């Protein structure tokens, strides 16, 4: 799986599958650390919605 796909105008676009995979990994690690989305967000300077 490639993280980026090539576009005709030479812009690089993130492969949607990579976003899902990263999100699943983040959720797994967050839960393993026994953190809520709010707690992780505060720890890294993001809101719950961004997490």
PDB file of N, CA and C in Angstrom:
ATOM      1  N   UNK A   1       0.837  -1.162   0.000  1.00  0.00           N
ATOM      2  CA  UNK A   1       0.000   0.000   0.000  1.00  0.00           C
ATOM      3  C   UNK A   1       0.892   1.237   0.000  1.00  0.00           C
ATOM      4  N   UNK A   2       0.585   2.153  -0.872  1.00  0.00           N
ATOM      5  CA  UNK A   2       1.330   3.407  -0.934  1.00  0.00           C
ATOM      6  C   UNK A   2       0.599   4.463  -0.125  1.00  0.00           C
ATOM      7  N   UNK A   3       1.357   5.232   0.621  1.00  0.00           N
ATOM      8  CA  UNK A   3       0.749   6.273   1.452  1.00  0.00           C
ATOM      9  C   UNK A   3       0.191   7.406   0.605  1.00  0.00           C
ATOM     10  N   UNK A   4       0.863   7.698  -0.500  1.00  0.00           N
ATOM     11  CA  UNK A   4       0.436   8.792  -1.353  1.00  0.00           C
ATOM     12  C   UNK A   4       0.149   8.266  -2.746  1.00  0.00           C
ATOM     13  N   UNK A   5      -0.842   8.847  -3.390  1.00  0.00           N
ATOM     14  CA  UNK A   5      -1.113   8.512  -4.778  1.00  0.00           C
ATOM     15  C   UNK A   5      -0.718   9.708  -5.630  1.00  0.00           C
ATOM     16  N   UNK A   6      -0.346   9.445  -6.858  1.00  0.00           N
ATOM     17  CA  UNK A   6       0.064  10.516  -7.758  1.00  0.00           C
ATOM     18  C   UNK A   6      -1.163  11.105  -8.435  1.00  0.00           C
ATOM     19  N   UNK A   7      -1.178  12.395  -8.558  1.00  0.00           N
ATOM     20  CA  UNK A   7      -2.251  13.077  -9.267  1.00  0.00           C
ATOM     21  C   UNK A   7      -1.661  13.704 -10.515  1.00  0.00           C
ATOM     22  N   UNK A   8      -2.512  13.982 -11.506  1.00  0.00           N
ATOM     23  CA  UNK A   8      -2.024  14.534 -12.767  1.00  0.00           C
ATOM     24  C   UNK A   8      -1.345  15.880 -12.581  1.00  0.00           C
ATOM     25  N   UNK A   9      -1.806  16.675 -11.655  1.00  0.00           N
ATOM     26  CA  UNK A   9      -1.217  17.995 -11.455  1.00  0.00           C
ATOM     27  C   UNK A   9      -0.055  17.954 -10.472  1.00  0.00           C
ATOM     28  N   UNK A  10       0.484  16.795 -10.260  1.00  0.00           N
ATOM     29  CA  UNK A  10       1.658  16.524  -9.426  1.00  0.00           C
ATOM     30  C   UNK A  10       1.438  16.782  -7.932  1.00  0.00           C
ATOM     31  N   UNK A  11       0.179  16.999  -7.525  1.00  0.00           N
ATOM     32  CA  UNK A  11      -0.104  17.081  -6.091  1.00  0.00           C
ATOM     33  C   UNK A  11      -0.062  15.681  -5.522  1.00  0.00           C
ATOM     34  N   UNK A  12       0.324  15.571  -4.275  1.00  0.00           N
ATOM     35  CA  UNK A  12       0.336  14.263  -3.619  1.00  0.00           C
ATOM     36  C   UNK A  12      -0.884  14.182  -2.721  1.00  0.00           C
ATOM     37  N   UNK A  13      -1.638  13.113  -2.892  1.00  0.00           N
ATOM     38  CA  UNK A  13      -2.853  12.922  -2.099  1.00  0.00           C
ATOM     39  C   UNK A  13      -2.674  11.709  -1.207  1.00  0.00           C
ATOM     40  N   UNK A  14      -3.075  11.851   0.036  1.00  0.00           N
ATOM     41  CA  UNK A  14      -2.960  10.767   0.998  1.00  0.00           C
ATOM     42  C   UNK A  14      -3.975   9.677   0.675  1.00  0.00           C
ATOM     43  N   UNK A  15      -3.524   8.445   0.650  1.00  0.00           N
ATOM     44  CA  UNK A  15      -4.392   7.300   0.398  1.00  0.00           C
ATOM     45  C   UNK A  15      -5.360   7.160   1.570  1.00  0.00           C
ATOM     46  N   UNK A  16      -6.671   7.137   1.328  1.00  0.00           N
ATOM     47  CA  UNK A  16      -7.649   7.013   2.418  1.00  0.00           C
ATOM     48  C   UNK A  16      -7.431   5.785   3.298  1.00  0.00           C
ATOM     49  N   UNK A  17      -6.914   4.706   2.753  1.00  0.00           N
ATOM     50  CA  UNK A  17      -6.661   3.498   3.542  1.00  0.00           C
ATOM     51  C   UNK A  17      -5.608   3.759   4.615  1.00  0.00           C
ATOM     52  N   UNK A  18      -4.666   4.637   4.329  1.00  0.00           N
ATOM     53  CA  UNK A  18      -3.628   4.969   5.309  1.00  0.00           C
ATOM     54  C   UNK A  18      -4.242   5.725   6.480  1.00  0.00           C
ATOM     55  N   UNK A  19      -5.183   6.605   6.185  1.00  0.00           N
ATOM     56  CA  UNK A  19      -5.847   7.367   7.244  1.00  0.00           C
ATOM     57  C   UNK A  19      -6.590   6.420   8.176  1.00  0.00           C
ATOM     58  N   UNK A  20      -7.320   5.469   7.607  1.00  0.00           N
ATOM     59  CA  UNK A  20      -8.059   4.497   8.419  1.00  0.00           C
ATOM     60  C   UNK A  20      -7.094   3.678   9.254  1.00  0.00           C
ATOM     61  N   UNK A  21      -6.017   3.203   8.647  1.00  0.00           N
ATOM     62  CA  UNK A  21      -5.039   2.391   9.366  1.00  0.00           C
ATOM     63  C   UNK A  21      -4.418   3.176  10.513  1.00  0.00           C
ATOM     64  N   UNK A  22      -4.058   4.428  10.276  1.00  0.00           N
ATOM     65  CA  UNK A  22      -3.477   5.255  11.327  1.00  0.00           C
ATOM     66  C   UNK A  22      -4.484   5.483  12.444  1.00  0.00           C
ATOM     67  N   UNK A  23      -5.716   5.752  12.075  1.00  0.00           N
ATOM     68  CA  UNK A  23      -6.754   5.977  13.073  1.00  0.00           C
ATOM     69  C   UNK A  23      -6.977   4.761  13.951  1.00  0.00           C
ATOM     70  N   UNK A  24      -6.968   3.587  13.330  1.00  0.00           N
ATOM     71  CA  UNK A  24      -7.132   2.351  14.097  1.00  0.00           C
ATOM     72  C   UNK A  24      -5.955   2.133  15.040  1.00  0.00           C
ATOM     73  N   UNK A  25      -4.752   2.418  14.569  1.00  0.00           N
ATOM     74  CA  UNK A  25      -3.561   2.271  15.407  1.00  0.00           C
ATOM     75  C   UNK A  25      -3.602   3.250  16.577  1.00  0.00           C
ATOM     76  N   UNK A  26      -3.960   4.491  16.300  1.00  0.00           N
ATOM     77  CA  UNK A  26      -4.047   5.495  17.359  1.00  0.00           C
ATOM     78  C   UNK A  26      -5.073   5.082  18.410  1.00  0.00           C
ATOM     79  N   UNK A  27      -6.219   4.606  17.970  1.00  0.00           N
ATOM     80  CA  UNK A  27      -7.256   4.157  18.903  1.00  0.00           C
ATOM     81  C   UNK A  27      -6.760   2.993  19.753  1.00  0.00           C
ATOM     82  N   UNK A  28      -6.100   2.039  19.123  1.00  0.00           N
ATOM     83  CA  UNK A  28      -5.563   0.886  19.846  1.00  0.00           C
ATOM     84  C   UNK A  28      -4.567   1.336  20.916  1.00  0.00           C
ATOM     85  N   UNK A  29      -3.628   2.189  20.535  1.00  0.00           N
ATOM     86  CA  UNK A  29      -2.606   2.643  21.479  1.00  0.00           C
ATOM     87  C   UNK A  29      -3.208   3.497  22.591  1.00  0.00           C
ATOM     88  N   UNK A  30      -4.197   4.327  22.237  1.00  0.00           N
ATOM     89  CA  UNK A  30      -4.865   5.160  23.245  1.00  0.00           C
ATOM     90  C   UNK A  30      -5.566   4.283  24.276  1.00  0.00           C
ATOM     91  N   UNK A  31      -6.277   3.291  23.796  1.00  0.00           N
ATOM     92  CA  UNK A  31      -6.984   2.391  24.718  1.00  0.00           C
ATOM     93  C   UNK A  31      -6.003   1.568  25.550  1.00  0.00           C
ATOM     94  N   UNK A  32      -4.916   1.149  24.939  1.00  0.00           N
ATOM     95  CA  UNK A  32      -3.903   0.381  25.665  1.00  0.00           C
ATOM     96  C   UNK A  32      -3.308   1.204  26.805  1.00  0.00           C
ATOM     97  N   UNK A  33      -3.176   2.499  26.565  1.00  0.00           N
ATOM     98  CA  UNK A  33      -2.667   3.411  27.595  1.00  0.00           C
ATOM     99  C   UNK A  33      -3.770   3.826  28.573  1.00  0.00           C
ATOM    100  N   UNK A  34      -4.976   3.316  28.335  1.00  0.00           N
ATOM    101  CA  UNK A  34      -6.144   3.618  29.180  1.00  0.00           C
ATOM    102  C   UNK A  34      -6.434   5.112  29.253  1.00  0.00           C
ATOM    103  N   UNK A  35      -6.370   5.737  28.085  1.00  0.00           N
ATOM    104  CA  UNK A  35      -6.678   7.159  27.982  1.00  0.00           C
ATOM    105  C   UNK A  35      -7.986   7.341  27.228  1.00  0.00           C
ATOM    106  N   UNK A  36      -8.766   8.318  27.654  1.00  0.00           N
ATOM    107  CA  UNK A  36      -9.941   8.702  26.884  1.00  0.00           C
ATOM    108  C   UNK A  36      -9.474   9.623  25.754  1.00  0.00           C
ATOM    109  N   UNK A  37     -10.378   9.914  24.832  1.00  0.00           N
ATOM    110  CA  UNK A  37     -10.033  10.856  23.774  1.00  0.00           C
ATOM    111  C   UNK A  37      -9.746  12.231  24.373  1.00  0.00           C
ATOM    112  N   UNK A  38     -10.511  12.611  25.385  1.00  0.00           N
ATOM    113  CA  UNK A  38     -10.268  13.898  26.055  1.00  0.00           C
ATOM    114  C   UNK A  38      -8.882  13.944  26.686  1.00  0.00           C
ATOM    115  N   UNK A  39      -8.514  12.885  27.378  1.00  0.00           N
ATOM    116  CA  UNK A  39      -7.210  12.847  28.056  1.00  0.00           C
ATOM    117  C   UNK A  39      -6.064  12.888  27.056  1.00  0.00           C
ATOM    118  N   UNK A  40      -6.170  12.116  25.994  1.00  0.00           N
ATOM    119  CA  UNK A  40      -5.118  12.130  24.977  1.00  0.00           C
ATOM    120  C   UNK A  40      -5.045  13.496  24.310  1.00  0.00           C
ATOM    121  N   UNK A  41      -6.196  14.057  24.005  1.00  0.00           N
ATOM    122  CA  UNK A  41      -6.232  15.379  23.391  1.00  0.00           C
ATOM    123  C   UNK A  41      -5.538  16.428  24.237  1.00  0.00           C
ATOM    124  N   UNK A  42      -5.854  16.445  25.522  1.00  0.00           N
ATOM    125  CA  UNK A  42      -5.201  17.413  26.420  1.00  0.00           C
ATOM    126  C   UNK A  42      -3.693  17.177  26.483  1.00  0.00           C
ATOM    127  N   UNK A  43      -3.287  15.908  26.483  1.00  0.00           N
ATOM    128  CA  UNK A  43      -1.861  15.577  26.592  1.00  0.00           C
ATOM    129  C   UNK A  43      -1.064  16.044  25.380  1.00  0.00           C
ATOM    130  N   UNK A  44      -1.705  16.065  24.208  1.00  0.00           N
ATOM    131  CA  UNK A  44      -0.972  16.433  22.992  1.00  0.00           C
ATOM    132  C   UNK A  44      -1.379  17.796  22.431  1.00  0.00           C
ATOM    133  N   UNK A  45      -2.271  18.490  23.134  1.00  0.00           N
ATOM    134  CA  UNK A  45      -2.654  19.831  22.701  1.00  0.00           C
ATOM    135  C   UNK A  45      -3.695  19.868  21.599  1.00  0.00           C
ATOM    136  N   UNK A  46      -4.545  18.840  21.532  1.00  0.00           N
ATOM    137  CA  UNK A  46      -5.631  18.793  20.552  1.00  0.00           C
ATOM    138  C   UNK A  46      -6.955  18.641  21.281  1.00  0.00           C
ATOM    139  N   UNK A  47      -8.030  18.933  20.587  1.00  0.00           N
ATOM    140  CA  UNK A  47      -9.350  18.731  21.180  1.00  0.00           C
ATOM    141  C   UNK A  47      -9.771  17.270  21.010  1.00  0.00           C
ATOM    142  N   UNK A  48     -10.810  16.892  21.739  1.00  0.00           N
ATOM    143  CA  UNK A  48     -11.347  15.532  21.630  1.00  0.00           C
ATOM    144  C   UNK A  48     -11.768  15.250  20.184  1.00  0.00           C
ATOM    145  N   UNK A  49     -12.366  16.239  19.537  1.00  0.00           N
ATOM    146  CA  UNK A  49     -12.835  16.069  18.161  1.00  0.00           C
ATOM    147  C   UNK A  49     -11.676  15.805  17.199  1.00  0.00           C
ATOM    148  N   UNK A  50     -10.542  16.404  17.462  1.00  0.00           N
ATOM    149  CA  UNK A  50      -9.383  16.200  16.595  1.00  0.00           C
ATOM    150  C   UNK A  50      -8.762  14.828  16.802  1.00  0.00           C
ATOM    151  N   UNK A  51      -8.926  14.268  17.993  1.00  0.00           N
ATOM    152  CA  UNK A  51      -8.403  12.942  18.279  1.00  0.00           C
ATOM    153  C   UNK A  51      -9.353  11.943  17.679  1.00  0.00           C
TER     154      UNK A  51
END
